[in-house]
Amino acid sequence: MSYLDVAKQVKKNNIASVYLIYGNEYYFIQNLKKYLTKAVIGEETDNLSTYDLEETPIQEVIADAETYPFFGERKLIFATNASFLKAKPDKLSFEHKLEVLQQYLQSPVEYSVLVLIAPYEKIDERKKITKLLKKQGTVAICKPIKEYELKTWINQLADQMKVTVEDNVYDMLESELSTNLNLLETELKKLAMFVGENGVITKEVAYDLLSHTTTDSSLRLVDAVMNRDLYKAISIYKDLEKMKEEPIALIGLLAFQFRTILRVKFLKQRGYSQSHMQKQLGVHPYVIKIAMQRERNFTIETLEYFITQLAEADATLKRGTMEKDLAFEILLYQLINGKTA
């Protein structure tokens, strides 16, 4: 089952006796641990046991599971680093007696919830113990989401928060947060609280409230240049100043954006598809997607002019012949007013 499916079951208090959580998305694993803790034992931490299976044999974990809880009705047991599920298990100073686990899986006790965690990209699906866990327990797959899954993931979170996300907000969320699911959920919660239940998260709301990161701000600077909006460009730069971003670093980010747009423009003229462009340039698919949206707004001559201006500004800053802030603001003026698209 997917992480979201298992999370929904747990939140509905539909609790299994045995779980196998595997995958290398730490955010998903931590969330499931949090949800299970709340559902199974609540605040009763005396009934929580945590084991590292690189230090404790599985037979000791099972012995704990079979011991009746001293407080409350149920106990929760997390046993992480289940390397015996990998194709090549880690070498340990002790032996995991998997037959003890196999016997337990056939008839788990009602008063314990056993959670085995294998934080690895892959486990060996052919192993007897893996097959038995999948048959007798609930399996939660916690792997990083793919690019094409991000919109679905955002929608599912929005549904849980009882809000609607406008189509043009997805790109804003994807540009910087797609690789940080924890930050994505935090930012979405903030937006949902602002618009309220059954509210709509618009581009304007997202723009005002999202915690903009440096790369995201460089994209907004490109937009400001594209729209010939010097006031907005300076405003974005001032925000970046408050984030302690150096002008030289920002020039590098802008140069990367415009070079990518230019390369995408060339590849598009040669008939490359978006996926082929991504392979050719070796960048994130979203970078290609955004560049394809922007390239139609610039001529090749304009992009080459921008790249030249950025290179000259970079040299000026490195020589120290002009105050950094002034040099960067002059650069923005030249990009916006010096050449028409």
Foldseek 3Di string as FASTA:
>chain_A
DELVVVLVCLQVLVAWQEEEEEEQQVVSVVVVVVSNCCSQPNPNCQQEEEEECLVDAVLVVLVSQPDADPDDQAHEYEYEQPQVQAPDRDDHPDDHPCVSVLVCLVPPDPRYRYYYYHNDHDGDCPDPSNVSCVVRHHYYYDYQDDPVCQVVVLVVLCVVLQEAEDPVCSLLLCVPCSVPVVLSSVQVNVQSVVQDHHGYRYPVSCVVRPPDDLLSLLVVLVVCLLVLNLVVNVVSVVVVVVVVDFLLVSLVSNLVLLVLLLVLVVVVVVPDDLVRSCVVVVDDSSSSVVSVVCNVSDDNVLSVVLNVLSVVLSVCVVVVPDDRVVSSSVSSCCSSPVDHD
